[in-house]
Amino acid sequence: KVKDNPVSRFLVFYGIQLIGLLISSLVLMFFIENLGWDKLVAKALSILIVALLLFELNNLITFRRKR
C-alpha cells in the first residue's frame, strides 16, 4: 500500500548496499591486517556488523513510512 516511486526506492536500497560492501571491505581489512585475526573469524564478524548496519539503514531510510 506504499504510494511512492519504486525506482527511487530501488536506487536508495542499491546505494545502501554499495555502502555496505565498502564498509565490509574496510572492516575485513582492519580485522585481518591490523589486528591479525583469522580470515574466517574476521569475515563472520564483518557479516554480522554489516548485516545489522544495513538492516538499520534500510529501516530508517529505504523503508520508512511517509507521513
Protein backbone atom coordinates (compact mmCIF):
# COMPACT_ATOMS: atom_id res chain seq x y z
CA LYS A 1 0.00 0.00 0.00
CA VAL A 2 3.02 2.27 -0.37
CA LYS A 3 2.49 5.01 -2.92
CA ASP A 4 5.93 6.19 -3.87
CA ASN A 5 8.31 5.75 -6.79
CA PRO A 6 9.64 2.15 -6.82
CA VAL A 7 12.61 3.12 -9.00
CA SER A 8 13.71 5.73 -6.48
CA ARG A 9 13.26 3.25 -3.62
CA PHE A 10 15.34 0.67 -5.52
CA LEU A 11 18.13 3.18 -6.16
CA VAL A 12 18.27 4.13 -2.48
CA PHE A 13 18.32 0.44 -1.49
CA TYR A 14 21.06 -0.27 -4.03
CA GLY A 15 23.12 2.68 -2.80
CA ILE A 16 22.88 1.48 0.79
CA GLN A 17 24.02 -1.99 -0.30
CA LEU A 18 27.06 -0.45 -2.02
CA ILE A 19 27.88 1.40 1.20
CA GLY A 20 27.62 -1.97 2.99
CA LEU A 21 30.07 -3.51 0.54
CA LEU A 22 32.56 -0.73 1.19
CA ILE A 23 32.17 -1.00 4.97
CA SER A 24 32.52 -4.79 4.81
CA SER A 25 35.77 -4.49 2.88
CA LEU A 26 37.15 -1.90 5.28
CA VAL A 27 36.19 -3.92 8.36
CA LEU A 28 37.74 -7.07 6.88
CA MET A 29 40.94 -5.25 6.01
CA PHE A 30 41.13 -3.78 9.53
CA PHE A 31 40.50 -7.08 11.30
CA ILE A 32 42.92 -9.10 9.16
CA GLU A 33 45.75 -6.66 8.52
CA ASN A 34 45.74 -4.52 11.68
CA LEU A 35 44.52 -6.98 14.31
CA GLY A 36 45.90 -10.13 12.69
CA TRP A 37 42.68 -12.09 13.10
CA ASP A 38 41.94 -15.31 11.26
CA LYS A 39 40.19 -14.66 7.94
CA LEU A 40 37.13 -16.76 8.77
CA VAL A 41 36.61 -15.10 12.16
CA ALA A 42 37.06 -11.67 10.59
CA LYS A 43 34.56 -12.50 7.83
CA ALA A 44 31.97 -13.84 10.29
CA LEU A 45 32.18 -10.74 12.47
CA SER A 46 32.17 -8.48 9.41
CA ILE A 47 28.98 -10.13 8.13
CA LEU A 48 27.29 -9.65 11.49
CA ILE A 49 28.30 -5.97 11.76
CA VAL A 50 27.33 -5.09 8.19
CA ALA A 51 24.03 -7.02 8.29
CA LEU A 52 22.92 -5.16 11.42
CA LEU A 53 24.05 -1.82 10.00
CA LEU A 54 22.29 -2.37 6.66
CA PHE A 55 19.11 -3.51 8.38
CA GLU A 56 19.02 -0.29 10.40
CA LEU A 57 19.89 1.95 7.44
CA ASN A 58 17.24 0.35 5.24
CA ASN A 59 14.72 0.53 8.06
CA LEU A 60 15.45 4.23 8.66
CA ILE A 61 15.91 5.37 5.05
CA THR A 62 14.63 2.99 2.39
CA PHE A 63 11.52 1.59 4.03
CA ARG A 64 10.45 4.46 6.25
CA ARG A 65 6.80 5.34 6.17
CA LYS A 66 5.98 8.71 4.74
CA ARG A 67 3.56 10.82 6.74
